[in-house]
Amino acid sequence: SGPESRVKLTGGKTTLTLNTLLDKKGKIEVTGDLVLVPFKADLHYHFQDIDLTAFSKYVEKSSWLCLKSGDLNVNGHVNISSEADAPIQTTLDASTISFKR
């Protein structure tokens, strides 16, 4: 399916759904709930087959590595709250496929 985004407003809570493609191959999906006042976000995200060669010039500047190939996959969750002692909490799982430098 093609790129899609939806925002559903219910009371003070907003439900967010974002599905899109990056460079015709990489998939980005973000889903979750937002509350504007006081600010809270509870989001799950999934990046699949993100081409790492697009980031080569940035990596090369700081590390002298040149990325020749590779894809990035990330699954994660972020919880942001303006009222919490730890305002940002996140977990993620990342992996690379066909990585060559």
C-alpha atoms as a PDB file:
ATOM      1  CA  SER A   1       0.000   0.000   0.000  1.00  0.00           C
ATOM      2  CA  GLY A   2       1.053   3.600  -0.522  1.00  0.00           C
ATOM      3  CA  PRO A   3       1.850   6.363   1.961  1.00  0.00           C
ATOM      4  CA  GLU A   4      -0.868   7.012   4.486  1.00  0.00           C
ATOM      5  CA  SER A   5      -1.379   9.206   7.511  1.00  0.00           C
ATOM      6  CA  ARG A   6      -4.341   9.598   9.819  1.00  0.00           C
ATOM      7  CA  VAL A   7      -5.021  11.690  12.871  1.00  0.00           C
ATOM      8  CA  LYS A   8      -8.139  11.016  14.945  1.00  0.00           C
ATOM      9  CA  LEU A   9      -9.200  13.515  17.609  1.00  0.00           C
ATOM     10  CA  THR A  10     -11.136  12.226  20.620  1.00  0.00           C
ATOM     11  CA  GLY A  11     -11.524  14.635  23.539  1.00  0.00           C
ATOM     12  CA  GLY A  12      -8.025  15.746  24.509  1.00  0.00           C
ATOM     13  CA  LYS A  13      -6.348  12.693  22.964  1.00  0.00           C
ATOM     14  CA  THR A  14      -5.132  12.431  19.376  1.00  0.00           C
ATOM     15  CA  THR A  15      -4.497   9.076  17.730  1.00  0.00           C
ATOM     16  CA  LEU A  16      -1.706   9.162  15.168  1.00  0.00           C
ATOM     17  CA  THR A  17      -1.045   6.691  12.350  1.00  0.00           C
ATOM     18  CA  LEU A  18       1.711   7.334   9.800  1.00  0.00           C
ATOM     19  CA  ASN A  19       2.811   4.909   7.078  1.00  0.00           C
ATOM     20  CA  THR A  20       5.189   6.055   4.349  1.00  0.00           C
ATOM     21  CA  LEU A  21       7.985   4.978   2.023  1.00  0.00           C
ATOM     22  CA  LEU A  22      11.501   6.399   1.985  1.00  0.00           C
ATOM     23  CA  ASP A  23      13.340   6.245  -1.364  1.00  0.00           C
ATOM     24  CA  LYS A  24      10.744   3.780  -2.753  1.00  0.00           C
ATOM     25  CA  LYS A  25      12.043   0.979  -0.518  1.00  0.00           C
ATOM     26  CA  GLY A  26      12.289   1.884   3.160  1.00  0.00           C
ATOM     27  CA  LYS A  27       9.124   1.730   5.214  1.00  0.00           C
ATOM     28  CA  ILE A  28       8.383   4.053   8.121  1.00  0.00           C
ATOM     29  CA  GLU A  29       5.436   3.405  10.414  1.00  0.00           C
ATOM     30  CA  VAL A  30       4.535   5.419  13.514  1.00  0.00           C
ATOM     31  CA  THR A  31       1.422   4.798  15.604  1.00  0.00           C
ATOM     32  CA  GLY A  32       0.301   6.022  18.981  1.00  0.00           C
ATOM     33  CA  ASP A  33      -1.497   8.590  21.068  1.00  0.00           C
ATOM     34  CA  LEU A  34      -0.798  12.281  21.695  1.00  0.00           C
ATOM     35  CA  VAL A  35      -2.205  14.673  24.279  1.00  0.00           C
ATOM     36  CA  LEU A  36      -1.330  18.345  23.771  1.00  0.00           C
ATOM     37  CA  VAL A  37      -2.034  19.763  27.261  1.00  0.00           C
ATOM     38  CA  PRO A  38      -0.272  18.596  29.343  1.00  0.00           C
ATOM     39  CA  PHE A  39       1.913  17.181  26.585  1.00  0.00           C
ATOM     40  CA  LYS A  40       2.149  13.390  26.386  1.00  0.00           C
ATOM     41  CA  ALA A  41       3.118  11.086  23.546  1.00  0.00           C
ATOM     42  CA  ASP A  42       3.062   7.297  23.549  1.00  0.00           C
ATOM     43  CA  LEU A  43       4.393   6.196  20.159  1.00  0.00           C
ATOM     44  CA  HIS A  44       5.507   2.940  18.581  1.00  0.00           C
ATOM     45  CA  TYR A  45       7.721   3.140  15.502  1.00  0.00           C
ATOM     46  CA  HIS A  46       9.024   0.703  12.920  1.00  0.00           C
ATOM     47  CA  PHE A  47      11.634   1.466  10.253  1.00  0.00           C
ATOM     48  CA  GLN A  48      12.258  -1.293   7.710  1.00  0.00           C
ATOM     49  CA  ASP A  49      14.852  -1.501   4.920  1.00  0.00           C
ATOM     50  CA  ILE A  50      16.183   2.064   5.340  1.00  0.00           C
ATOM     51  CA  ASP A  51      19.127   2.414   2.931  1.00  0.00           C
ATOM     52  CA  LEU A  52      22.214   3.306   4.980  1.00  0.00           C
ATOM     53  CA  THR A  53      24.226   4.555   1.979  1.00  0.00           C
ATOM     54  CA  ALA A  54      22.155   7.751   2.068  1.00  0.00           C
ATOM     55  CA  PHE A  55      23.859   8.546   5.399  1.00  0.00           C
ATOM     56  CA  SER A  56      27.405   7.740   4.238  1.00  0.00           C
ATOM     57  CA  LYS A  57      28.586  11.352   3.933  1.00  0.00           C
ATOM     58  CA  TYR A  58      27.548  12.071   7.542  1.00  0.00           C
ATOM     59  CA  VAL A  59      29.177   8.906   8.896  1.00  0.00           C
ATOM     60  CA  GLU A  60      32.346   9.520   6.873  1.00  0.00           C
ATOM     61  CA  LYS A  61      32.802  13.040   8.328  1.00  0.00           C
ATOM     62  CA  SER A  62      32.913  11.777  11.897  1.00  0.00           C
ATOM     63  CA  SER A  63      34.428   8.314  11.514  1.00  0.00           C
ATOM     64  CA  TRP A  64      36.257   7.966   8.168  1.00  0.00           C
ATOM     65  CA  LEU A  65      33.948   5.075   7.250  1.00  0.00           C
ATOM     66  CA  CYS A  66      32.322   4.955   3.839  1.00  0.00           C
ATOM     67  CA  LEU A  67      29.100   2.929   3.779  1.00  0.00           C
ATOM     68  CA  LYS A  68      28.894   0.899   0.559  1.00  0.00           C
ATOM     69  CA  SER A  69      25.677  -0.965   1.294  1.00  0.00           C
ATOM     70  CA  GLY A  70      23.307  -1.907   4.050  1.00  0.00           C
ATOM     71  CA  ASP A  71      19.772  -1.539   5.288  1.00  0.00           C
ATOM     72  CA  LEU A  72      18.611  -0.515   8.745  1.00  0.00           C
ATOM     73  CA  ASN A  73      15.649  -1.999  10.622  1.00  0.00           C
ATOM     74  CA  VAL A  74      14.407  -0.442  13.876  1.00  0.00           C
ATOM     75  CA  ASN A  75      11.488  -1.269  16.170  1.00  0.00           C
ATOM     76  CA  GLY A  76      10.929   1.054  19.067  1.00  0.00           C
ATOM     77  CA  HIS A  77       8.690   2.765  21.551  1.00  0.00           C
ATOM     78  CA  VAL A  78       8.940   6.277  22.976  1.00  0.00           C
ATOM     79  CA  ASN A  79       6.956   7.749  25.837  1.00  0.00           C
ATOM     80  CA  ILE A  80       7.178  11.510  26.379  1.00  0.00           C
ATOM     81  CA  SER A  81       5.456  13.359  29.220  1.00  0.00           C
ATOM     82  CA  SER A  82       5.909  16.954  30.327  1.00  0.00           C
ATOM     83  CA  GLU A  83       4.769  15.922  33.819  1.00  0.00           C
ATOM     84  CA  ALA A  84       7.089  12.938  34.391  1.00  0.00           C
ATOM     85  CA  ASP A  85      10.341  12.873  36.373  1.00  0.00           C
ATOM     86  CA  ALA A  86      12.002  11.274  33.330  1.00  0.00           C
ATOM     87  CA  PRO A  87      10.285  13.205  30.508  1.00  0.00           C
ATOM     88  CA  ILE A  88      11.508  10.878  27.734  1.00  0.00           C
ATOM     89  CA  GLN A  89      11.610   7.099  28.002  1.00  0.00           C
ATOM     90  CA  THR A  90      12.481   4.987  24.989  1.00  0.00           C
ATOM     91  CA  THR A  91      13.332   1.453  23.976  1.00  0.00           C
ATOM     92  CA  LEU A  92      14.498   0.252  20.593  1.00  0.00           C
ATOM     93  CA  ASP A  93      15.804  -2.781  18.774  1.00  0.00           C
ATOM     94  CA  ALA A  94      17.970  -2.109  15.716  1.00  0.00           C
ATOM     95  CA  SER A  95      19.641  -4.355  13.167  1.00  0.00           C
ATOM     96  CA  THR A  96      21.468  -4.038   9.857  1.00  0.00           C
ATOM     97  CA  ILE A  97      21.252  -6.235   6.782  1.00  0.00           C
ATOM     98  CA  SER A  98      23.912  -6.604   4.057  1.00  0.00           C
ATOM     99  CA  PHE A  99      26.146  -4.062   5.774  1.00  0.00           C
ATOM    100  CA  LYS A 100      29.424  -3.290   3.938  1.00  0.00           C
ATOM    101  CA  ARG A 101      31.861  -0.471   4.546  1.00  0.00           C
END
